[in-house]
């Protein structure tokens, strides 16, 4: 070989390559198949006109878009309205969660006041009890509020958003508090010297520096609210006001009229919402992971 064409590096024996790096590829392929199989199976079931999951064992043996058409053809099951309701409730609840948790986390991180440590501990302890345990109390509370303020009572989407906001302040505030502590306090002090107050520091400086954790909390809040079934089914009664998680259950809840193919089609379309939000926030999430590893 000449200097312009150096000799290729000798190949490593297969056994050595597998011990050093090959086993990682094998584990990655196994995990990818394990995670992707349920998604592929649901997609195959949505394209199967049989209406049962048993007939969908053969993946993509049938290809029929009738189930997707049937989603929007039943006036008693307004899938389009459920889709819009889910987007509105999910975005409002996630945006409100991010704002409230960021305000609380900033106060706990930057200010020193009586009861600060007790407040953090209380948030953590309260979050240990899932919101599911309180659905009876939520129903009674919403019923009583509805007698005074009907717009916030039962069968109210605004009331459901308020319930979600009340249950999201615990662990999310604690997560933001830890990320806020990684931002040097010297930035706040320099801004105060220039005459900036807490509000200006928070909205113009801190929020930009903690954008990754805001994206993560927003994504988690959106997924949690859009996939909730119990609380949404207790608060929302009118089919036109229900969300996808509650509405889709109607396709398989009746013993004599179960249609798993339409249910699978609705689930496939419902997955577009969190996937689109994740892709939109992916840049912030990845930068947050990288910044966290550096810090």
Protein backbone atom coordinates (compact mmCIF):
# COMPACT_ATOMS: atom_id res chain seq x y z
CA UNK A 1 0.00 0.00 0.00
CA UNK A 2 1.16 3.53 -0.79
CA UNK A 3 0.98 6.47 1.58
CA UNK A 4 -2.16 7.69 -0.22
CA UNK A 5 -3.94 4.40 0.48
CA UNK A 6 -3.04 3.17 3.96
CA UNK A 7 -3.71 -0.43 4.85
CA UNK A 8 -7.13 -1.02 6.44
CA UNK A 9 -7.22 -1.72 10.16
CA UNK A 10 -7.41 -5.43 10.98
CA UNK A 11 -10.88 -6.68 11.86
CA UNK A 12 -11.51 -7.66 15.43
CA UNK A 13 -12.56 -11.25 16.04
CA UNK A 14 -16.32 -11.64 16.41
CA UNK A 15 -16.04 -12.91 19.98
CA UNK A 16 -14.03 -9.90 21.08
CA UNK A 17 -16.35 -7.49 19.25
CA UNK A 18 -19.40 -9.05 20.86
CA UNK A 19 -17.91 -8.89 24.36
CA UNK A 20 -16.91 -5.24 23.99
CA UNK A 21 -19.77 -3.64 22.05
CA UNK A 22 -21.85 -6.24 20.23
CA UNK A 23 -23.96 -7.24 23.24
CA UNK A 24 -25.15 -3.64 23.57
CA UNK A 25 -26.56 -3.74 20.05
CA UNK A 26 -28.33 -7.00 20.87
CA UNK A 27 -29.88 -5.56 24.04
CA UNK A 28 -30.95 -2.44 22.11
CA UNK A 29 -32.64 -4.51 19.40
CA UNK A 30 -34.48 -6.64 21.97
CA UNK A 31 -35.73 -3.56 23.84
CA UNK A 32 -36.78 -1.90 20.59
CA UNK A 33 -38.82 -4.94 19.56
CA UNK A 34 -40.33 -5.19 23.06
CA UNK A 35 -41.40 -1.52 22.99
CA UNK A 36 -42.57 -1.42 19.38
CA UNK A 37 -44.61 -4.63 19.26
CA UNK A 38 -47.68 -3.29 21.18
CA UNK A 39 -47.73 -0.23 18.94
CA UNK A 40 -47.52 -2.31 15.77
CA UNK A 41 -50.21 -4.69 17.08
CA UNK A 42 -52.64 -1.84 17.83
CA UNK A 43 -52.01 -0.33 14.40
CA UNK A 44 -52.68 -3.72 12.79
CA UNK A 45 -55.88 -4.14 14.82
CA UNK A 46 -57.10 -0.71 13.72
CA UNK A 47 -56.79 -1.78 10.07
CA UNK A 48 -58.62 -5.08 10.65
CA UNK A 49 -62.37 -4.78 9.95
CA UNK A 50 -63.21 -7.86 12.05
CA UNK A 51 -63.91 -5.89 15.19
CA UNK A 52 -62.07 -8.28 17.52
CA UNK A 53 -58.50 -8.51 18.73
CA UNK A 54 -58.32 -12.26 18.13
CA UNK A 55 -58.65 -11.80 14.38
CA UNK A 56 -55.74 -9.34 14.45
CA UNK A 57 -53.16 -11.94 15.42
CA UNK A 58 -51.87 -11.98 11.85
CA UNK A 59 -50.20 -8.61 11.54
CA UNK A 60 -51.42 -6.51 8.60
CA UNK A 61 -53.16 -9.43 6.87
CA UNK A 62 -56.07 -7.05 6.20
CA UNK A 63 -55.93 -3.39 5.26
CA UNK A 64 -59.18 -1.50 5.67
CA UNK A 65 -59.70 2.13 6.73
CA UNK A 66 -63.33 1.51 7.67
CA UNK A 67 -62.61 1.74 11.39
CA UNK A 68 -61.14 5.21 11.00
CA UNK A 69 -64.17 6.31 8.97
CA UNK A 70 -66.54 4.82 11.58
CA UNK A 71 -64.91 6.95 14.29
CA UNK A 72 -66.38 10.10 12.81
CA UNK A 73 -69.66 8.61 11.56
CA UNK A 74 -71.44 7.92 14.87
CA UNK A 75 -73.27 10.98 16.25
CA UNK A 76 -73.75 9.30 19.63
CA UNK A 77 -69.97 8.97 19.97
CA UNK A 78 -68.53 12.31 18.81
CA UNK A 79 -64.88 11.40 18.39
CA UNK A 80 -64.07 14.75 16.81
CA UNK A 81 -65.42 16.60 19.84
CA UNK A 82 -63.46 14.31 22.16
CA UNK A 83 -60.29 15.03 20.21
CA UNK A 84 -60.77 18.80 20.44
CA UNK A 85 -61.71 18.61 24.13
CA UNK A 86 -58.58 16.59 24.88
CA UNK A 87 -56.36 19.13 23.13
CA UNK A 88 -57.96 22.10 24.93
CA UNK A 89 -57.97 20.49 28.38
CA UNK A 90 -54.48 19.03 27.99
CA UNK A 91 -52.87 22.25 26.76
CA UNK A 92 -54.61 24.44 29.36
CA UNK A 93 -53.81 22.08 32.22
CA UNK A 94 -50.17 21.61 31.17
CA UNK A 95 -49.62 25.35 30.62
CA UNK A 96 -51.20 26.18 33.97
CA UNK A 97 -49.14 23.48 35.67
CA UNK A 98 -45.90 24.87 34.24
CA UNK A 99 -46.71 28.45 35.31
CA UNK A 100 -47.88 27.59 38.83
CA UNK A 101 -45.07 25.13 39.52
CA UNK A 102 -42.46 27.55 38.18
CA UNK A 103 -43.74 30.34 40.43
CA UNK A 104 -43.76 28.05 43.48
CA UNK A 105 -40.33 26.59 42.68
CA UNK A 106 -38.82 30.07 42.24
CA UNK A 107 -40.21 31.17 45.59
CA UNK A 108 -38.85 28.10 47.36
CA UNK A 109 -35.48 28.35 45.63
CA UNK A 110 -34.73 32.08 45.85
CA UNK A 111 -36.65 33.37 48.86
CA UNK A 112 -36.21 32.62 52.55
CA UNK A 113 -39.38 32.73 54.63
CA UNK A 114 -40.93 31.04 57.65
CA UNK A 115 -42.33 27.61 56.81
CA UNK A 116 -40.25 27.17 53.65
CA UNK A 117 -38.81 23.79 54.58
CA UNK A 118 -42.14 22.63 56.02
CA UNK A 119 -43.88 23.65 52.79
CA UNK A 120 -41.47 21.62 50.65
CA UNK A 121 -41.90 18.59 52.87
CA UNK A 122 -45.67 18.96 52.80
CA UNK A 123 -45.71 19.05 48.99
CA UNK A 124 -43.66 15.88 48.88
CA UNK A 125 -45.79 14.05 51.44
CA UNK A 126 -49.10 15.05 49.87
CA UNK A 127 -47.91 13.80 46.49
CA UNK A 128 -47.38 10.33 47.99
CA UNK A 129 -51.16 9.89 48.00
CA UNK A 130 -52.44 9.56 44.42
CA UNK A 131 -55.26 11.74 43.21
CA UNK A 132 -57.22 8.58 42.46
CA UNK A 133 -57.88 8.09 46.19
CA UNK A 134 -59.75 11.39 46.33
CA UNK A 135 -62.20 10.92 43.47
CA UNK A 136 -65.15 10.57 45.88
CA UNK A 137 -64.15 13.77 47.68
CA UNK A 138 -63.61 15.48 44.31
CA UNK A 139 -67.11 14.47 43.18
CA UNK A 140 -68.73 15.81 46.35
CA UNK A 141 -66.65 19.00 46.23
CA UNK A 142 -67.44 19.65 42.57
CA UNK A 143 -71.12 18.98 43.21
CA UNK A 144 -71.19 21.51 46.05
CA UNK A 145 -69.26 24.11 44.03
CA UNK A 146 -71.61 23.59 41.09
CA UNK A 147 -74.57 24.69 43.21
CA UNK A 148 -72.89 28.09 43.68
CA UNK A 149 -70.71 28.42 40.55
CA UNK A 150 -72.07 26.11 37.84
CA UNK A 151 -69.18 26.94 35.50
CA UNK A 152 -66.78 25.25 37.96
CA UNK A 153 -68.98 22.33 39.02
CA UNK A 154 -69.71 18.92 37.60
CA UNK A 155 -69.81 18.48 33.83
CA UNK A 156 -67.53 21.50 33.45
CA UNK A 157 -64.27 21.36 31.53
CA UNK A 158 -62.98 24.39 33.41
CA UNK A 159 -63.69 22.59 36.67
CA UNK A 160 -61.76 19.54 35.44
CA UNK A 161 -58.79 21.74 34.55
CA UNK A 162 -58.88 23.22 38.07
CA UNK A 163 -58.82 19.71 39.55
CA UNK A 164 -55.79 18.82 37.44
CA UNK A 165 -53.99 22.00 38.47
CA UNK A 166 -54.64 21.31 42.13
CA UNK A 167 -53.14 17.83 41.89
CA UNK A 168 -50.07 18.79 39.85
CA UNK A 169 -48.26 21.10 42.26
CA UNK A 170 -46.60 18.39 44.34
CA UNK A 171 -43.86 16.46 42.61
CA UNK A 172 -43.63 18.91 39.69
CA UNK A 173 -42.81 21.79 42.03
CA UNK A 174 -40.22 19.64 43.75
CA UNK A 175 -38.59 18.73 40.43
CA UNK A 176 -38.48 22.36 39.33
CA UNK A 177 -37.09 23.40 42.72
CA UNK A 178 -34.10 21.13 42.23
CA UNK A 179 -33.46 22.50 38.73
CA UNK A 180 -33.86 26.12 39.87
CA UNK A 181 -31.14 25.53 42.45
CA UNK A 182 -28.66 24.75 39.65
CA UNK A 183 -29.02 28.33 38.34
CA UNK A 184 -26.37 30.47 40.11
CA UNK A 185 -27.81 33.00 42.52
CA UNK A 186 -25.19 35.50 41.32
CA UNK A 187 -27.36 36.06 38.22
CA UNK A 188 -30.19 37.26 40.43
CA UNK A 189 -27.84 39.50 42.42
CA UNK A 190 -26.42 41.08 39.27
CA UNK A 191 -29.94 41.78 37.99
CA UNK A 192 -30.95 43.31 41.33
CA UNK A 193 -27.96 45.66 41.15
CA UNK A 194 -29.31 46.87 37.80
CA UNK A 195 -32.66 47.57 39.45
CA UNK A 196 -34.63 44.48 38.42
CA UNK A 197 -37.26 43.11 40.79
CA UNK A 198 -38.26 39.51 41.43
CA UNK A 199 -40.94 39.55 38.73
CA UNK A 200 -38.59 40.84 36.04
CA UNK A 201 -35.84 38.43 37.06
CA UNK A 202 -38.26 35.52 36.96
CA UNK A 203 -39.96 36.24 33.63
CA UNK A 204 -37.01 37.62 31.64
CA UNK A 205 -34.01 35.69 33.00
CA UNK A 206 -34.84 32.60 35.03
CA UNK A 207 -37.53 31.17 32.76
CA UNK A 208 -35.15 31.22 29.78
CA UNK A 209 -32.45 29.41 31.75
CA UNK A 210 -34.80 26.70 33.00
CA UNK A 211 -36.62 26.13 29.68
CA UNK A 212 -35.63 22.41 29.56
CA UNK A 213 -37.35 21.54 32.85
CA UNK A 214 -40.39 23.58 31.78
CA UNK A 215 -40.63 21.47 28.62
CA UNK A 216 -40.33 18.23 30.60
CA UNK A 217 -42.98 19.24 33.13
CA UNK A 218 -45.28 20.45 30.37
CA UNK A 219 -44.94 17.17 28.49
CA UNK A 220 -45.53 15.04 31.60
CA UNK A 221 -48.55 17.14 32.59
CA UNK A 222 -50.03 16.88 29.09
CA UNK A 223 -49.63 13.11 28.97
CA UNK A 224 -51.06 12.74 32.47
CA UNK A 225 -54.16 14.81 31.80
CA UNK A 226 -54.92 13.39 28.35
CA UNK A 227 -54.59 9.79 29.56
CA UNK A 228 -56.60 10.25 32.77
CA UNK A 229 -59.80 8.23 32.90
CA UNK A 230 -61.14 8.08 36.45
CA UNK A 231 -61.22 11.78 37.35
CA UNK A 232 -62.42 12.81 33.89
CA UNK A 233 -65.22 10.23 33.93
CA UNK A 234 -66.37 11.46 37.36
CA UNK A 235 -66.40 15.16 36.47
CA UNK A 236 -67.56 15.08 32.82
CA UNK A 237 -71.00 13.60 32.14
CA UNK A 238 -72.11 15.06 28.81
CA UNK A 239 -70.63 13.02 25.89
CA UNK A 240 -69.91 16.24 23.97
CA UNK A 241 -67.63 17.43 26.79
CA UNK A 242 -65.73 14.21 27.48
CA UNK A 243 -62.11 13.49 26.60
CA UNK A 244 -60.64 10.73 24.47
CA UNK A 245 -59.79 8.50 27.42
CA UNK A 246 -63.40 8.51 28.60
CA UNK A 247 -65.05 8.49 25.19
CA UNK A 248 -63.05 5.64 23.69
CA UNK A 249 -64.16 3.36 26.51
CA UNK A 250 -67.70 3.49 25.10
CA UNK A 251 -66.59 1.42 22.11
CA UNK A 252 -65.71 -1.57 24.32
CA UNK A 253 -67.87 -1.04 27.42
CA UNK A 254 -71.04 -2.63 26.05
CA UNK A 255 -71.13 -6.41 26.25
CA UNK A 256 -73.00 -6.91 22.98
CA UNK A 257 -71.48 -4.08 20.94
CA UNK A 258 -67.72 -4.21 21.43
CA UNK A 259 -65.69 -3.01 18.49
CA UNK A 260 -62.00 -3.32 19.24
CA UNK A 261 -61.04 -2.32 15.72
CA UNK A 262 -62.65 1.12 16.07
CA UNK A 263 -61.22 1.41 19.59
CA UNK A 264 -57.72 0.67 18.24
CA UNK A 265 -58.20 3.23 15.46
CA UNK A 266 -59.17 5.85 18.01
CA UNK A 267 -56.15 4.95 20.14
CA UNK A 268 -53.82 5.34 17.15
CA UNK A 269 -55.17 8.81 16.39
CA UNK A 270 -55.04 9.75 20.07
CA UNK A 271 -51.33 8.88 20.16
CA UNK A 272 -50.67 11.70 17.69
CA UNK A 273 -51.21 14.31 20.43
CA UNK A 274 -48.38 13.36 22.85
CA UNK A 275 -46.10 12.34 19.97
CA UNK A 276 -46.46 15.73 18.30
CA UNK A 277 -45.82 17.55 21.57
CA UNK A 278 -42.78 15.40 22.28
CA UNK A 279 -41.31 16.12 18.85
CA UNK A 280 -41.96 19.83 19.32
CA UNK A 281 -40.21 19.86 22.72
CA UNK A 282 -37.50 17.33 21.89
CA UNK A 283 -34.81 19.99 21.44
CA UNK A 284 -35.43 21.37 24.93
CA UNK A 285 -35.63 17.94 26.52
CA UNK A 286 -32.33 16.79 25.01
CA UNK A 287 -30.60 20.04 25.97
CA UNK A 288 -31.96 19.66 29.49
CA UNK A 289 -30.49 16.18 29.82
CA UNK A 290 -27.15 17.41 28.49
CA UNK A 291 -27.12 20.44 30.77
CA UNK A 292 -28.03 18.28 33.73
CA UNK A 293 -25.12 15.91 33.06
CA UNK A 294 -22.70 18.85 32.78
CA UNK A 295 -23.93 20.54 35.94
